[in-house]
Amino acid sequence: MPLLWSGIESLKYRLRGLIVGAFLSLCGLAATLAGLAGIVFPPEIYGDQRVRWPLFVLLSVLSVWGVVLHVLGIVARLSDFHEEP
């Protein structure tokens, strides 16, 4: 839900939505990498490498895209590239 709120705030052209979205995506990336390393979840849940690797690689790719796109949105918002007609 917080990431959905962040997306709605970003569509309303509010900087706080972009910053919160970047932070949440970065937290998701950290949790994904910690899960891939086997730190977050107990080994009995994702102990099988055939299950753990594809799942966490997919989640890490999505998290990286989230971080990159939010940072680009923040840069675009702060630089304010609007052309006046």
N, C-alpha and C. Protein backbone atom coordinates (compact mmCIF):
# COMPACT_ATOMS: atom_id res chain seq x y z
N MET A 1 0.80 -1.20 0.00
CA MET A 1 0.00 0.00 0.00
C MET A 1 0.85 1.27 0.00
N PRO A 2 1.94 1.33 0.76
CA PRO A 2 2.74 2.56 0.70
C PRO A 2 3.32 2.83 -0.68
N LEU A 3 3.68 1.77 -1.40
CA LEU A 3 4.23 1.98 -2.74
C LEU A 3 3.13 2.44 -3.69
N LEU A 4 1.92 1.98 -3.50
CA LEU A 4 0.79 2.46 -4.30
C LEU A 4 0.53 3.93 -4.01
N TRP A 5 0.57 4.32 -2.75
CA TRP A 5 0.43 5.73 -2.38
C TRP A 5 1.53 6.56 -3.04
N SER A 6 2.73 6.02 -3.03
CA SER A 6 3.86 6.72 -3.63
C SER A 6 3.63 6.94 -5.13
N GLY A 7 3.10 5.93 -5.79
CA GLY A 7 2.81 6.07 -7.22
C GLY A 7 1.75 7.11 -7.49
N ILE A 8 0.71 7.15 -6.66
CA ILE A 8 -0.35 8.15 -6.83
C ILE A 8 0.20 9.55 -6.58
N GLU A 9 1.02 9.70 -5.56
CA GLU A 9 1.64 11.00 -5.28
C GLU A 9 2.58 11.41 -6.41
N SER A 10 3.28 10.46 -7.00
CA SER A 10 4.17 10.77 -8.11
C SER A 10 3.38 11.25 -9.32
N LEU A 11 2.24 10.62 -9.57
CA LEU A 11 1.39 11.05 -10.69
C LEU A 11 0.81 12.44 -10.46
N LYS A 12 0.67 12.83 -9.20
CA LYS A 12 0.20 14.18 -8.87
C LYS A 12 1.35 15.19 -8.90
N TYR A 13 2.52 14.75 -9.33
CA TYR A 13 3.71 15.60 -9.47
C TYR A 13 4.17 16.13 -8.11
N ARG A 14 4.21 15.25 -7.12
CA ARG A 14 4.68 15.63 -5.79
C ARG A 14 6.00 14.92 -5.52
N LEU A 15 6.97 15.68 -5.05
CA LEU A 15 8.31 15.16 -4.81
C LEU A 15 8.33 14.14 -3.69
N ARG A 16 7.50 14.32 -2.67
CA ARG A 16 7.53 13.38 -1.54
C ARG A 16 7.15 11.97 -1.97
N GLY A 17 6.28 11.83 -2.95
CA GLY A 17 5.93 10.51 -3.45
C GLY A 17 7.12 9.83 -4.11
N LEU A 18 7.90 10.60 -4.86
CA LEU A 18 9.09 10.04 -5.50
C LEU A 18 10.14 9.63 -4.48
N ILE A 19 10.33 10.44 -3.47
CA ILE A 19 11.34 10.14 -2.45
C ILE A 19 10.93 8.91 -1.64
N VAL A 20 9.67 8.83 -1.25
CA VAL A 20 9.19 7.66 -0.51
C VAL A 20 9.27 6.42 -1.38
N GLY A 21 8.92 6.54 -2.66
CA GLY A 21 9.00 5.40 -3.58
C GLY A 21 10.42 4.91 -3.77
N ALA A 22 11.37 5.84 -3.88
CA ALA A 22 12.77 5.44 -4.02
C ALA A 22 13.25 4.74 -2.76
N PHE A 23 12.87 5.25 -1.59
CA PHE A 23 13.26 4.63 -0.33
C PHE A 23 12.67 3.23 -0.19
N LEU A 24 11.39 3.08 -0.52
CA LEU A 24 10.74 1.77 -0.42
C LEU A 24 11.33 0.77 -1.41
N SER A 25 11.64 1.24 -2.62
CA SER A 25 12.27 0.35 -3.60
C SER A 25 13.66 -0.07 -3.15
N LEU A 26 14.39 0.86 -2.54
CA LEU A 26 15.71 0.54 -2.02
C LEU A 26 15.63 -0.46 -0.87
N CYS A 27 14.63 -0.30 -0.01
CA CYS A 27 14.41 -1.28 1.07
C CYS A 27 14.04 -2.64 0.50
N GLY A 28 13.23 -2.65 -0.54
CA GLY A 28 12.87 -3.91 -1.20
C GLY A 28 14.07 -4.58 -1.82
N LEU A 29 14.96 -3.79 -2.41
CA LEU A 29 16.18 -4.34 -2.99
C LEU A 29 17.08 -4.93 -1.91
N ALA A 30 17.21 -4.23 -0.79
CA ALA A 30 18.03 -4.74 0.31
C ALA A 30 17.45 -6.03 0.88
N ALA A 31 16.13 -6.08 1.04
CA ALA A 31 15.49 -7.30 1.55
C ALA A 31 15.63 -8.45 0.56
N THR A 32 15.55 -8.14 -0.73
CA THR A 32 15.69 -9.17 -1.76
C THR A 32 17.10 -9.75 -1.76
N LEU A 33 18.10 -8.88 -1.68
CA LEU A 33 19.48 -9.37 -1.67
C LEU A 33 19.79 -10.13 -0.38
N ALA A 34 19.23 -9.69 0.74
CA ALA A 34 19.41 -10.42 1.99
C ALA A 34 18.71 -11.78 1.92
N GLY A 35 17.57 -11.83 1.28
CA GLY A 35 16.88 -13.11 1.09
C GLY A 35 17.64 -14.03 0.16
N LEU A 36 18.24 -13.47 -0.86
CA LEU A 36 19.04 -14.27 -1.79
C LEU A 36 20.25 -14.87 -1.09
N ALA A 37 20.81 -14.12 -0.16
CA ALA A 37 21.95 -14.62 0.61
C ALA A 37 21.53 -15.60 1.69
N GLY A 38 20.24 -15.71 1.96
CA GLY A 38 19.76 -16.63 2.98
C GLY A 38 19.74 -16.05 4.37
N ILE A 39 19.81 -14.74 4.49
CA ILE A 39 19.85 -14.09 5.80
C ILE A 39 18.45 -13.86 6.35
N VAL A 40 17.51 -13.44 5.51
CA VAL A 40 16.19 -13.01 5.96
C VAL A 40 15.27 -14.17 6.30
N PHE A 41 15.20 -15.15 5.42
CA PHE A 41 14.25 -16.25 5.60
C PHE A 41 14.96 -17.48 6.14
N PRO A 42 14.25 -18.28 6.94
CA PRO A 42 14.87 -19.50 7.45
C PRO A 42 15.14 -20.48 6.31
N PRO A 43 16.15 -21.31 6.45
CA PRO A 43 16.52 -22.23 5.36
C PRO A 43 15.42 -23.22 5.00
N GLU A 44 14.54 -23.53 5.95
CA GLU A 44 13.51 -24.51 5.58
C GLU A 44 12.46 -23.94 4.63
N ILE A 45 12.33 -22.61 4.57
CA ILE A 45 11.34 -22.02 3.66
C ILE A 45 11.89 -21.97 2.24
N TYR A 46 13.03 -21.34 2.07
CA TYR A 46 13.61 -21.21 0.74
C TYR A 46 14.97 -21.89 0.68
N GLY A 47 15.08 -23.05 1.26
CA GLY A 47 16.35 -23.76 1.28
C GLY A 47 16.75 -24.33 -0.06
N ASP A 48 15.77 -24.64 -0.90
CA ASP A 48 16.05 -25.22 -2.21
C ASP A 48 16.52 -24.11 -3.15
N GLN A 49 17.72 -24.26 -3.67
CA GLN A 49 18.30 -23.25 -4.57
C GLN A 49 17.48 -23.09 -5.85
N ARG A 50 16.84 -24.16 -6.30
CA ARG A 50 16.04 -24.07 -7.53
C ARG A 50 14.81 -23.19 -7.34
N VAL A 51 14.37 -23.02 -6.12
CA VAL A 51 13.24 -22.14 -5.84
C VAL A 51 13.72 -20.74 -5.51
N ARG A 52 14.76 -20.66 -4.71
CA ARG A 52 15.22 -19.36 -4.20
C ARG A 52 15.81 -18.47 -5.28
N TRP A 53 16.66 -18.98 -6.13
CA TRP A 53 17.33 -18.14 -7.11
C TRP A 53 16.38 -17.48 -8.10
N PRO A 54 15.50 -18.21 -8.79
CA PRO A 54 14.62 -17.51 -9.74
C PRO A 54 13.70 -16.49 -9.07
N LEU A 55 13.20 -16.82 -7.88
CA LEU A 55 12.31 -15.91 -7.18
C LEU A 55 13.02 -14.61 -6.81
N PHE A 56 14.17 -14.73 -6.20
CA PHE A 56 14.85 -13.53 -5.75
C PHE A 56 15.53 -12.77 -6.88
N VAL A 57 15.91 -13.43 -7.95
CA VAL A 57 16.44 -12.71 -9.11
C VAL A 57 15.33 -11.87 -9.73
N LEU A 58 14.13 -12.43 -9.85
CA LEU A 58 13.00 -11.67 -10.37
C LEU A 58 12.70 -10.47 -9.49
N LEU A 59 12.65 -10.68 -8.18
CA LEU A 59 12.36 -9.58 -7.27
C LEU A 59 13.46 -8.53 -7.27
N SER A 60 14.71 -8.95 -7.41
CA SER A 60 15.80 -7.96 -7.43
C SER A 60 15.77 -7.14 -8.71
N VAL A 61 15.42 -7.75 -9.83
CA VAL A 61 15.32 -6.99 -11.08
C VAL A 61 14.20 -5.95 -10.96
N LEU A 62 13.07 -6.35 -10.42
CA LEU A 62 11.96 -5.40 -10.23
C LEU A 62 12.34 -4.28 -9.26
N SER A 63 13.06 -4.61 -8.21
CA SER A 63 13.48 -3.59 -7.24
C SER A 63 14.49 -2.63 -7.84
N VAL A 64 15.41 -3.15 -8.64
CA VAL A 64 16.40 -2.27 -9.29
C VAL A 64 15.69 -1.32 -10.24
N TRP A 65 14.75 -1.82 -11.01
CA TRP A 65 13.98 -0.94 -11.91
C TRP A 65 13.24 0.12 -11.11
N GLY A 66 12.67 -0.26 -9.98
CA GLY A 66 11.97 0.71 -9.14
C GLY A 66 12.89 1.80 -8.63
N VAL A 67 14.07 1.42 -8.16
CA VAL A 67 15.03 2.42 -7.67
C VAL A 67 15.47 3.34 -8.79
N VAL A 68 15.83 2.78 -9.94
CA VAL A 68 16.32 3.58 -11.06
C VAL A 68 15.25 4.56 -11.54
N LEU A 69 14.03 4.08 -11.71
CA LEU A 69 12.98 4.95 -12.21
C LEU A 69 12.59 6.03 -11.21
N HIS A 70 12.60 5.71 -9.92
CA HIS A 70 12.30 6.74 -8.93
C HIS A 70 13.41 7.79 -8.87
N VAL A 71 14.65 7.36 -8.95
CA VAL A 71 15.76 8.33 -8.94
C VAL A 71 15.70 9.22 -10.18
N LEU A 72 15.40 8.64 -11.34
CA LEU A 72 15.25 9.46 -12.54
C LEU A 72 14.09 10.44 -12.40
N GLY A 73 13.02 10.01 -11.78
CA GLY A 73 11.90 10.92 -11.53
C GLY A 73 12.27 12.05 -10.60
N ILE A 74 13.06 11.75 -9.57
CA ILE A 74 13.51 12.80 -8.65
C ILE A 74 14.41 13.79 -9.37
N VAL A 75 15.33 13.29 -10.18
CA VAL A 75 16.23 14.17 -10.93
C VAL A 75 15.44 15.05 -11.89
N ALA A 76 14.48 14.46 -12.60
CA ALA A 76 13.67 15.24 -13.53
C ALA A 76 12.83 16.28 -12.80
N ARG A 77 12.32 15.91 -11.64
CA ARG A 77 11.49 16.84 -10.87
C ARG A 77 12.32 17.99 -10.32
N LEU A 78 13.52 17.68 -9.83
CA LEU A 78 14.36 18.74 -9.26
C LEU A 78 14.95 19.65 -10.33
N SER A 79 15.23 19.10 -11.50
CA SER A 79 15.80 19.93 -12.56
C SER A 79 14.72 20.71 -13.30
N ASP A 80 13.46 20.26 -13.22
CA ASP A 80 12.31 20.98 -13.76
C ASP A 80 12.52 21.35 -15.22
N PHE A 81 12.49 20.35 -16.08
CA PHE A 81 12.74 20.53 -17.50
C PHE A 81 11.50 20.96 -18.28
N HIS A 82 10.67 21.78 -17.73
CA HIS A 82 9.46 22.20 -18.45
C HIS A 82 9.80 23.33 -19.41
N GLU A 83 9.35 23.17 -20.63
CA GLU A 83 9.52 24.21 -21.63
C GLU A 83 8.30 25.13 -21.57
N GLU A 84 8.52 26.40 -21.50
CA GLU A 84 7.41 27.36 -21.51
C GLU A 84 7.02 27.62 -22.96
N PRO A 85 5.72 27.52 -23.28
CA PRO A 85 5.30 27.77 -24.68
C PRO A 85 5.33 29.23 -25.05
